[in-house]
């Protein structure tokens, strides 16, 4: 599982990069990359716009993207992005994270993510409506603020037609997975 985010720029104007991917049995099953321009519109919030490129599953697909991201009251990190693709396809994605400091270096981070699609895409195994949800947590230790390994658990669930497509392909529609990684900051 790859989940990477980064930016280049200053406080007001930034170029954001996001990359995500999953692999099963050594094969890449899902991969996408985003390039977004972000502009600060209030103290803790950016509006972002740009493109997303899906590499897998199925043939490559390009989406236009627009969204908001920032720090909500009580320090919840919010990311909400809407996408428009070929043939009028639409997709919305919402992610919420929170960081709870156990000590100054040990951080517990719960997270929730949901994806909604406007049209079914049987070729990619995606159904209209709420498609997938993920909920979980990460526990990270900051050796230095710039380097923080983490371990966590994520529960995933597919819903509606997306679950039907997965069942027809002999795949699971939900389950738990262990996640590990390193958070890097510069």
C-alpha atoms as a PDB file:
ATOM      1  CA  UNK A   1       0.000   0.000   0.000  1.00  0.00           C
ATOM      2  CA  UNK A   2       1.431   3.384  -1.045  1.00  0.00           C
ATOM      3  CA  UNK A   3       0.002   6.644   0.270  1.00  0.00           C
ATOM      4  CA  UNK A   4       2.227   9.637  -0.358  1.00  0.00           C
ATOM      5  CA  UNK A   5       1.576  13.386  -0.106  1.00  0.00           C
ATOM      6  CA  UNK A   6       3.893  16.328  -0.477  1.00  0.00           C
ATOM      7  CA  UNK A   7       4.114  19.925  -1.581  1.00  0.00           C
ATOM      8  CA  UNK A   8       6.501  22.522  -2.924  1.00  0.00           C
ATOM      9  CA  UNK A   9       6.016  26.230  -2.406  1.00  0.00           C
ATOM     10  CA  UNK A  10       5.239  28.761   0.268  1.00  0.00           C
ATOM     11  CA  UNK A  11       2.350  29.291   2.664  1.00  0.00           C
ATOM     12  CA  UNK A  12       0.002  30.912   0.157  1.00  0.00           C
ATOM     13  CA  UNK A  13       0.772  29.092  -3.130  1.00  0.00           C
ATOM     14  CA  UNK A  14       1.819  25.440  -3.380  1.00  0.00           C
ATOM     15  CA  UNK A  15       2.060  22.586  -5.844  1.00  0.00           C
ATOM     16  CA  UNK A  16       0.685  19.431  -4.171  1.00  0.00           C
ATOM     17  CA  UNK A  17       1.631  15.874  -5.143  1.00  0.00           C
ATOM     18  CA  UNK A  18      -0.333  12.826  -4.084  1.00  0.00           C
ATOM     19  CA  UNK A  19       0.335   9.212  -5.068  1.00  0.00           C
ATOM     20  CA  UNK A  20      -1.626   6.146  -4.033  1.00  0.00           C
ATOM     21  CA  UNK A  21      -1.438   2.499  -4.890  1.00  0.00           C
ATOM     22  CA  UNK A  22      -2.220  -1.022  -3.759  1.00  0.00           C
ATOM     23  CA  UNK A  23      -0.677  -4.333  -4.684  1.00  0.00           C
ATOM     24  CA  UNK A  24      -1.892  -7.880  -4.261  1.00  0.00           C
ATOM     25  CA  UNK A  25       0.352 -10.917  -4.587  1.00  0.00           C
ATOM     26  CA  UNK A  26       3.162  -8.810  -6.070  1.00  0.00           C
ATOM     27  CA  UNK A  27       0.958  -7.178  -8.759  1.00  0.00           C
ATOM     28  CA  UNK A  28      -0.131  -3.553  -8.753  1.00  0.00           C
ATOM     29  CA  UNK A  29      -3.922  -3.607  -8.514  1.00  0.00           C
ATOM     30  CA  UNK A  30      -4.561   0.124  -8.156  1.00  0.00           C
ATOM     31  CA  UNK A  31      -2.376   3.177  -8.834  1.00  0.00           C
ATOM     32  CA  UNK A  32      -3.050   6.894  -9.205  1.00  0.00           C
ATOM     33  CA  UNK A  33      -1.132  10.172  -9.076  1.00  0.00           C
ATOM     34  CA  UNK A  34      -2.375  13.719  -8.501  1.00  0.00           C
ATOM     35  CA  UNK A  35      -0.797  17.072  -9.318  1.00  0.00           C
ATOM     36  CA  UNK A  36      -2.665  19.996  -7.805  1.00  0.00           C
ATOM     37  CA  UNK A  37      -2.158  23.715  -7.451  1.00  0.00           C
ATOM     38  CA  UNK A  38      -3.126  24.899  -3.966  1.00  0.00           C
ATOM     39  CA  UNK A  39      -4.006  28.442  -2.938  1.00  0.00           C
ATOM     40  CA  UNK A  40      -4.567  29.451   0.665  1.00  0.00           C
ATOM     41  CA  UNK A  41      -7.956  31.141   1.073  1.00  0.00           C
ATOM     42  CA  UNK A  42      -8.026  31.415   4.863  1.00  0.00           C
ATOM     43  CA  UNK A  43      -5.608  30.892   7.707  1.00  0.00           C
ATOM     44  CA  UNK A  44      -5.723  27.065   7.784  1.00  0.00           C
ATOM     45  CA  UNK A  45      -7.411  26.199   4.459  1.00  0.00           C
ATOM     46  CA  UNK A  46      -6.343  25.709   0.843  1.00  0.00           C
ATOM     47  CA  UNK A  47      -8.405  25.313  -2.283  1.00  0.00           C
ATOM     48  CA  UNK A  48      -6.769  22.866  -4.703  1.00  0.00           C
ATOM     49  CA  UNK A  49      -7.274  22.173  -8.377  1.00  0.00           C
ATOM     50  CA  UNK A  50      -5.502  20.104 -10.995  1.00  0.00           C
ATOM     51  CA  UNK A  51      -5.449  16.621 -12.468  1.00  0.00           C
ATOM     52  CA  UNK A  52      -5.460  13.023 -11.330  1.00  0.00           C
ATOM     53  CA  UNK A  53      -4.176  10.162 -13.453  1.00  0.00           C
ATOM     54  CA  UNK A  54      -5.379   6.613 -12.781  1.00  0.00           C
ATOM     55  CA  UNK A  55      -2.988   3.956 -14.036  1.00  0.00           C
ATOM     56  CA  UNK A  56      -4.766   0.852 -12.706  1.00  0.00           C
ATOM     57  CA  UNK A  57      -7.226  -0.895 -12.754  1.00  0.00           C
ATOM     58  CA  UNK A  58      -8.143  -0.889 -16.417  1.00  0.00           C
ATOM     59  CA  UNK A  59      -6.773   1.512 -19.023  1.00  0.00           C
ATOM     60  CA  UNK A  60      -5.330   4.868 -17.922  1.00  0.00           C
ATOM     61  CA  UNK A  61      -7.911   7.512 -17.093  1.00  0.00           C
ATOM     62  CA  UNK A  62      -7.494  11.259 -16.472  1.00  0.00           C
ATOM     63  CA  UNK A  63      -9.691  13.320 -14.117  1.00  0.00           C
ATOM     64  CA  UNK A  64     -10.001  17.052 -13.449  1.00  0.00           C
ATOM     65  CA  UNK A  65      -9.856  17.722  -9.706  1.00  0.00           C
ATOM     66  CA  UNK A  66     -11.008  20.486  -7.359  1.00  0.00           C
ATOM     67  CA  UNK A  67     -11.213  20.435  -3.606  1.00  0.00           C
ATOM     68  CA  UNK A  68     -10.439  21.896  -0.214  1.00  0.00           C
ATOM     69  CA  UNK A  69      -8.045  20.762   2.455  1.00  0.00           C
ATOM     70  CA  UNK A  70      -7.112  22.128   5.804  1.00  0.00           C
ATOM     71  CA  UNK A  71      -7.359  22.134   9.543  1.00  0.00           C
ATOM     72  CA  UNK A  72     -10.889  22.215  10.968  1.00  0.00           C
ATOM     73  CA  UNK A  73     -11.762  23.301  14.513  1.00  0.00           C
ATOM     74  CA  UNK A  74     -10.367  20.979  17.194  1.00  0.00           C
ATOM     75  CA  UNK A  75      -7.433  20.163  14.857  1.00  0.00           C
ATOM     76  CA  UNK A  76      -9.153  17.703  12.503  1.00  0.00           C
ATOM     77  CA  UNK A  77      -7.306  17.470   9.177  1.00  0.00           C
ATOM     78  CA  UNK A  78      -9.862  17.441   6.350  1.00  0.00           C
ATOM     79  CA  UNK A  79      -9.368  16.666   2.671  1.00  0.00           C
ATOM     80  CA  UNK A  80     -12.381  16.768   0.310  1.00  0.00           C
ATOM     81  CA  UNK A  81     -11.816  16.457  -3.435  1.00  0.00           C
ATOM     82  CA  UNK A  82     -14.271  16.191  -6.348  1.00  0.00           C
ATOM     83  CA  UNK A  83     -13.280  14.761  -9.732  1.00  0.00           C
ATOM     84  CA  UNK A  84     -14.793  14.879 -13.226  1.00  0.00           C
ATOM     85  CA  UNK A  85     -13.628  12.381 -15.849  1.00  0.00           C
ATOM     86  CA  UNK A  86     -14.441  11.239 -19.378  1.00  0.00           C
ATOM     87  CA  UNK A  87     -18.070  10.493 -20.294  1.00  0.00           C
ATOM     88  CA  UNK A  88     -19.306  12.707 -17.458  1.00  0.00           C
ATOM     89  CA  UNK A  89     -17.997  10.409 -14.742  1.00  0.00           C
ATOM     90  CA  UNK A  90     -17.855  11.984 -11.295  1.00  0.00           C
ATOM     91  CA  UNK A  91     -16.102  10.952  -8.106  1.00  0.00           C
ATOM     92  CA  UNK A  92     -15.806  12.513  -4.647  1.00  0.00           C
ATOM     93  CA  UNK A  93     -13.378  11.568  -1.927  1.00  0.00           C
ATOM     94  CA  UNK A  94     -13.396  12.608   1.737  1.00  0.00           C
ATOM     95  CA  UNK A  95     -10.655  12.000   4.280  1.00  0.00           C
ATOM     96  CA  UNK A  96     -10.526  13.010   7.965  1.00  0.00           C
ATOM     97  CA  UNK A  97      -7.526  12.512  10.276  1.00  0.00           C
ATOM     98  CA  UNK A  98      -6.750  13.518  13.837  1.00  0.00           C
ATOM     99  CA  UNK A  99      -3.498  13.472  15.766  1.00  0.00           C
ATOM    100  CA  UNK A 100      -3.645  12.650  19.461  1.00  0.00           C
ATOM    101  CA  UNK A 101      -0.343  13.147  21.275  1.00  0.00           C
ATOM    102  CA  UNK A 102       0.246  10.377  23.803  1.00  0.00           C
ATOM    103  CA  UNK A 103       3.679  11.873  24.526  1.00  0.00           C
ATOM    104  CA  UNK A 104       5.615  14.547  22.658  1.00  0.00           C
ATOM    105  CA  UNK A 105       6.977  11.835  20.339  1.00  0.00           C
ATOM    106  CA  UNK A 106       4.312   9.090  20.354  1.00  0.00           C
ATOM    107  CA  UNK A 107       1.251  10.011  18.274  1.00  0.00           C
ATOM    108  CA  UNK A 108      -2.020   8.101  17.804  1.00  0.00           C
ATOM    109  CA  UNK A 109      -3.732   9.013  14.507  1.00  0.00           C
ATOM    110  CA  UNK A 110      -7.274   7.787  13.738  1.00  0.00           C
ATOM    111  CA  UNK A 111      -8.501   8.260  10.154  1.00  0.00           C
ATOM    112  CA  UNK A 112     -11.655   7.788   8.069  1.00  0.00           C
ATOM    113  CA  UNK A 113     -11.951   7.875   4.278  1.00  0.00           C
ATOM    114  CA  UNK A 114     -14.960   7.506   1.940  1.00  0.00           C
ATOM    115  CA  UNK A 115     -15.327   7.431  -1.852  1.00  0.00           C
ATOM    116  CA  UNK A 116     -18.513   8.163  -3.819  1.00  0.00           C
ATOM    117  CA  UNK A 117     -18.989   7.684  -7.574  1.00  0.00           C
ATOM    118  CA  UNK A 118     -21.694   9.225  -9.757  1.00  0.00           C
ATOM    119  CA  UNK A 119     -21.809   6.447 -12.402  1.00  0.00           C
ATOM    120  CA  UNK A 120     -21.024   2.763 -12.395  1.00  0.00           C
ATOM    121  CA  UNK A 121     -17.893   1.663 -14.257  1.00  0.00           C
ATOM    122  CA  UNK A 122     -18.093  -2.150 -14.568  1.00  0.00           C
ATOM    123  CA  UNK A 123     -14.739  -2.333 -16.392  1.00  0.00           C
ATOM    124  CA  UNK A 124     -13.023  -1.015 -13.244  1.00  0.00           C
ATOM    125  CA  UNK A 125     -15.361  -2.735 -10.797  1.00  0.00           C
ATOM    126  CA  UNK A 126     -16.825   0.511  -9.467  1.00  0.00           C
ATOM    127  CA  UNK A 127     -20.500   0.995  -8.649  1.00  0.00           C
ATOM    128  CA  UNK A 128     -22.459   4.243  -8.374  1.00  0.00           C
ATOM    129  CA  UNK A 129     -22.991   5.681  -4.896  1.00  0.00           C
ATOM    130  CA  UNK A 130     -20.855   5.076  -1.828  1.00  0.00           C
ATOM    131  CA  UNK A 131     -18.136   2.790  -3.161  1.00  0.00           C
ATOM    132  CA  UNK A 132     -15.615   2.223  -0.384  1.00  0.00           C
ATOM    133  CA  UNK A 133     -14.919   3.283   3.178  1.00  0.00           C
ATOM    134  CA  UNK A 134     -11.752   2.905   5.219  1.00  0.00           C
ATOM    135  CA  UNK A 135     -11.410   3.449   8.952  1.00  0.00           C
ATOM    136  CA  UNK A 136      -8.356   2.837  11.051  1.00  0.00           C
ATOM    137  CA  UNK A 137      -5.503   4.222  13.041  1.00  0.00           C
ATOM    138  CA  UNK A 138      -1.755   4.648  12.993  1.00  0.00           C
ATOM    139  CA  UNK A 139       0.639   4.796  15.900  1.00  0.00           C
ATOM    140  CA  UNK A 140       3.850   6.647  15.062  1.00  0.00           C
ATOM    141  CA  UNK A 141       6.976   7.526  16.945  1.00  0.00           C
ATOM    142  CA  UNK A 142       8.897  10.654  15.998  1.00  0.00           C
ATOM    143  CA  UNK A 143      12.596   9.940  16.484  1.00  0.00           C
ATOM    144  CA  UNK A 144      12.952  13.408  15.018  1.00  0.00           C
ATOM    145  CA  UNK A 145      10.081  15.495  13.691  1.00  0.00           C
ATOM    146  CA  UNK A 146      11.399  14.774  10.197  1.00  0.00           C
ATOM    147  CA  UNK A 147      11.467  10.957  10.576  1.00  0.00           C
ATOM    148  CA  UNK A 148       8.603   9.037  12.146  1.00  0.00           C
ATOM    149  CA  UNK A 149       7.939   5.322  11.497  1.00  0.00           C
ATOM    150  CA  UNK A 150       4.386   4.104  12.076  1.00  0.00           C
ATOM    151  CA  UNK A 151       2.310   0.955  12.367  1.00  0.00           C
ATOM    152  CA  UNK A 152      -1.459   0.723  12.145  1.00  0.00           C
ATOM    153  CA  UNK A 153      -4.619  -1.117  11.223  1.00  0.00           C
ATOM    154  CA  UNK A 154      -7.181  -0.211   8.533  1.00  0.00           C
ATOM    155  CA  UNK A 155     -10.618  -1.758   8.075  1.00  0.00           C
ATOM    156  CA  UNK A 156     -11.890  -1.472   4.487  1.00  0.00           C
ATOM    157  CA  UNK A 157     -15.391  -2.097   3.166  1.00  0.00           C
ATOM    158  CA  UNK A 158     -16.885  -1.984  -0.320  1.00  0.00           C
ATOM    159  CA  UNK A 159     -20.565  -1.092  -0.644  1.00  0.00           C
ATOM    160  CA  UNK A 160     -23.455  -1.455  -3.100  1.00  0.00           C
ATOM    161  CA  UNK A 161     -22.617  -2.215  -6.725  1.00  0.00           C
ATOM    162  CA  UNK A 162     -18.881  -2.008  -6.015  1.00  0.00           C
ATOM    163  CA  UNK A 163     -19.282  -4.894  -3.547  1.00  0.00           C
ATOM    164  CA  UNK A 164     -21.379  -6.776  -6.122  1.00  0.00           C
ATOM    165  CA  UNK A 165     -18.635  -6.380  -8.763  1.00  0.00           C
ATOM    166  CA  UNK A 166     -15.996  -7.590  -6.287  1.00  0.00           C
ATOM    167  CA  UNK A 167     -18.061 -10.648  -5.280  1.00  0.00           C
ATOM    168  CA  UNK A 168     -18.656 -11.526  -8.960  1.00  0.00           C
ATOM    169  CA  UNK A 169     -14.864 -11.397  -9.513  1.00  0.00           C
ATOM    170  CA  UNK A 170     -14.270 -13.655  -6.495  1.00  0.00           C
ATOM    171  CA  UNK A 171     -12.724 -10.873  -4.404  1.00  0.00           C
ATOM    172  CA  UNK A 172     -13.358  -9.933  -0.790  1.00  0.00           C
ATOM    173  CA  UNK A 173     -15.604  -6.942  -0.111  1.00  0.00           C
ATOM    174  CA  UNK A 174     -13.978  -5.949   3.139  1.00  0.00           C
ATOM    175  CA  UNK A 175     -11.428  -6.779   5.731  1.00  0.00           C
ATOM    176  CA  UNK A 176      -8.615  -5.634   7.903  1.00  0.00           C
ATOM    177  CA  UNK A 177      -5.015  -4.949   6.902  1.00  0.00           C
ATOM    178  CA  UNK A 178      -1.862  -3.991   8.741  1.00  0.00           C
ATOM    179  CA  UNK A 179      -0.120  -0.834   7.537  1.00  0.00           C
ATOM    180  CA  UNK A 180       3.453   0.228   8.185  1.00  0.00           C
ATOM    181  CA  UNK A 181       5.542   3.055   6.873  1.00  0.00           C
ATOM    182  CA  UNK A 182       7.641   6.084   7.575  1.00  0.00           C
ATOM    183  CA  UNK A 183       6.411   9.665   7.685  1.00  0.00           C
ATOM    184  CA  UNK A 184       9.081  12.016   6.333  1.00  0.00           C
ATOM    185  CA  UNK A 185       9.035  15.765   6.817  1.00  0.00           C
ATOM    186  CA  UNK A 186      11.506  18.406   5.738  1.00  0.00           C
END
